[in-house]
Amino acid sequence: MEFTDIPAAVIPNFPFKPTLHVNYQETLLPIKDGLPKMKDLPKEADGSGDLLAEYLFTYAEMRNLKAMEQLRLVEEDDALEVSESIDC
């Protein structure tokens, strides 16, 4: 199956109505709109066909979650460095 991506906004008077989101696992801006969220692509387009939950996080919450994850990783690295220095 071959696709050509044409932004609907560039076609005058085109009644664009989305039916799903693709590659949603890579989203940076979660959208609560009731449409299906595909992990990658539908099976018919050689994707997994897996659906993801509709995330209800706001952008600020997503930024906070990412900051918390980064802090956790830094803390793990610091703990590893401490344990390595104690073993010496």
C-alpha atoms as a PDB file:
ATOM      1  CA  MET A   1       0.000   0.000   0.000  1.00  0.00           C
ATOM      2  CA  GLU A   2       1.354   3.417  -0.922  1.00  0.00           C
ATOM      3  CA  PHE A   3       0.457   6.714   0.747  1.00  0.00           C
ATOM      4  CA  THR A   4       0.871  10.318  -0.272  1.00  0.00           C
ATOM      5  CA  ASP A   5       0.621  12.788   2.597  1.00  0.00           C
ATOM      6  CA  ILE A   6      -1.221  15.947   1.625  1.00  0.00           C
ATOM      7  CA  PRO A   7      -2.153  18.365   4.416  1.00  0.00           C
ATOM      8  CA  ALA A   8      -5.929  18.857   4.228  1.00  0.00           C
ATOM      9  CA  ALA A   9      -5.538  22.555   5.022  1.00  0.00           C
ATOM     10  CA  VAL A  10      -3.971  23.232   1.596  1.00  0.00           C
ATOM     11  CA  ILE A  11      -6.966  21.914  -0.359  1.00  0.00           C
ATOM     12  CA  PRO A  12      -9.601  24.650  -0.700  1.00  0.00           C
ATOM     13  CA  ASN A  13     -13.116  23.650   0.391  1.00  0.00           C
ATOM     14  CA  PHE A  14     -12.054  20.115   1.304  1.00  0.00           C
ATOM     15  CA  PRO A  15     -14.315  18.770   4.079  1.00  0.00           C
ATOM     16  CA  PHE A  16     -11.585  17.026   6.072  1.00  0.00           C
ATOM     17  CA  LYS A  17     -12.828  14.813   8.914  1.00  0.00           C
ATOM     18  CA  PRO A  18     -10.127  12.709  10.630  1.00  0.00           C
ATOM     19  CA  THR A  19     -11.009   9.148  11.608  1.00  0.00           C
ATOM     20  CA  LEU A  20      -7.918   8.055  13.586  1.00  0.00           C
ATOM     21  CA  HIS A  21      -4.424   9.014  14.720  1.00  0.00           C
ATOM     22  CA  VAL A  22      -1.380   7.067  13.484  1.00  0.00           C
ATOM     23  CA  ASN A  23       2.079   6.761  15.096  1.00  0.00           C
ATOM     24  CA  TYR A  24       0.518   7.919  18.370  1.00  0.00           C
ATOM     25  CA  GLN A  25       3.256   6.268  20.440  1.00  0.00           C
ATOM     26  CA  GLU A  26       5.475   9.137  19.282  1.00  0.00           C
ATOM     27  CA  THR A  27       3.037  11.896  20.218  1.00  0.00           C
ATOM     28  CA  LEU A  28       4.282  15.016  21.921  1.00  0.00           C
ATOM     29  CA  LEU A  29       0.849  16.543  22.315  1.00  0.00           C
ATOM     30  CA  PRO A  30      -1.807  14.094  23.527  1.00  0.00           C
ATOM     31  CA  ILE A  31      -5.234  14.806  22.094  1.00  0.00           C
ATOM     32  CA  LYS A  32      -8.519  13.860  23.741  1.00  0.00           C
ATOM     33  CA  ASP A  33     -10.922  13.720  20.811  1.00  0.00           C
ATOM     34  CA  GLY A  34     -12.461  10.249  21.015  1.00  0.00           C
ATOM     35  CA  LEU A  35     -10.708   9.019  17.857  1.00  0.00           C
ATOM     36  CA  PRO A  36      -8.746   5.743  17.872  1.00  0.00           C
ATOM     37  CA  LYS A  37      -5.015   6.150  18.595  1.00  0.00           C
ATOM     38  CA  MET A  38      -2.885   3.681  16.613  1.00  0.00           C
ATOM     39  CA  LYS A  39       0.505   2.724  18.047  1.00  0.00           C
ATOM     40  CA  ASP A  40       1.974   2.847  14.543  1.00  0.00           C
ATOM     41  CA  LEU A  41      -0.154   2.068  11.463  1.00  0.00           C
ATOM     42  CA  PRO A  42      -3.220  -0.087  10.765  1.00  0.00           C
ATOM     43  CA  LYS A  43      -2.533  -3.703   9.769  1.00  0.00           C
ATOM     44  CA  GLU A  44      -3.733  -2.901   6.248  1.00  0.00           C
ATOM     45  CA  ALA A  45      -0.812  -0.472   5.972  1.00  0.00           C
ATOM     46  CA  ASP A  46       1.736  -3.029   7.295  1.00  0.00           C
ATOM     47  CA  GLY A  47       1.541  -1.714  10.863  1.00  0.00           C
ATOM     48  CA  SER A  48       0.826  -3.613  14.059  1.00  0.00           C
ATOM     49  CA  GLY A  49      -2.772  -2.438  14.234  1.00  0.00           C
ATOM     50  CA  ASP A  50      -2.311  -1.927  17.990  1.00  0.00           C
ATOM     51  CA  LEU A  51      -4.488   0.702  19.636  1.00  0.00           C
ATOM     52  CA  LEU A  52      -3.290   2.902  22.496  1.00  0.00           C
ATOM     53  CA  ALA A  53      -5.305   4.435  25.300  1.00  0.00           C
ATOM     54  CA  GLU A  54      -6.467   7.992  24.922  1.00  0.00           C
ATOM     55  CA  TYR A  55      -4.174   9.880  27.251  1.00  0.00           C
ATOM     56  CA  LEU A  56      -5.783  12.554  29.368  1.00  0.00           C
ATOM     57  CA  PHE A  57      -2.607  14.429  30.284  1.00  0.00           C
ATOM     58  CA  THR A  58      -2.296  18.130  29.605  1.00  0.00           C
ATOM     59  CA  TYR A  59       0.885  19.476  28.048  1.00  0.00           C
ATOM     60  CA  ALA A  60       2.032  20.756  31.462  1.00  0.00           C
ATOM     61  CA  GLU A  61       1.435  17.320  32.999  1.00  0.00           C
ATOM     62  CA  MET A  62       3.414  15.674  30.189  1.00  0.00           C
ATOM     63  CA  ARG A  63       6.308  18.086  30.769  1.00  0.00           C
ATOM     64  CA  ASN A  64       6.158  17.314  34.499  1.00  0.00           C
ATOM     65  CA  LEU A  65       6.141  13.547  33.844  1.00  0.00           C
ATOM     66  CA  LYS A  66       9.144  13.871  31.523  1.00  0.00           C
ATOM     67  CA  ALA A  67      10.966  15.986  34.113  1.00  0.00           C
ATOM     68  CA  MET A  68      10.204  13.398  36.811  1.00  0.00           C
ATOM     69  CA  GLU A  69      11.514  10.606  34.558  1.00  0.00           C
ATOM     70  CA  GLN A  70      14.703  12.554  33.856  1.00  0.00           C
ATOM     71  CA  LEU A  71      15.167  13.162  37.589  1.00  0.00           C
ATOM     72  CA  ARG A  72      14.667   9.441  38.282  1.00  0.00           C
ATOM     73  CA  LEU A  73      17.327   8.564  35.695  1.00  0.00           C
ATOM     74  CA  VAL A  74      19.763  11.080  37.205  1.00  0.00           C
ATOM     75  CA  GLU A  75      19.102   9.695  40.692  1.00  0.00           C
ATOM     76  CA  GLU A  76      19.723   6.144  39.422  1.00  0.00           C
ATOM     77  CA  ASP A  77      23.015   7.255  37.849  1.00  0.00           C
ATOM     78  CA  ASP A  78      24.030   9.010  41.094  1.00  0.00           C
ATOM     79  CA  ALA A  79      23.157   5.897  43.126  1.00  0.00           C
ATOM     80  CA  LEU A  80      25.209   3.752  40.762  1.00  0.00           C
ATOM     81  CA  GLU A  81      28.206   6.098  41.076  1.00  0.00           C
ATOM     82  CA  VAL A  82      27.934   6.007  44.891  1.00  0.00           C
ATOM     83  CA  SER A  83      27.712   2.207  44.977  1.00  0.00           C
ATOM     84  CA  GLU A  84      30.691   1.908  42.619  1.00  0.00           C
ATOM     85  CA  SER A  85      32.781   4.227  44.807  1.00  0.00           C
ATOM     86  CA  ILE A  86      31.864   2.207  47.929  1.00  0.00           C
ATOM     87  CA  ASP A  87      32.938  -1.059  46.248  1.00  0.00           C
ATOM     88  CA  CYS A  88      36.426   0.319  45.560  1.00  0.00           C
END
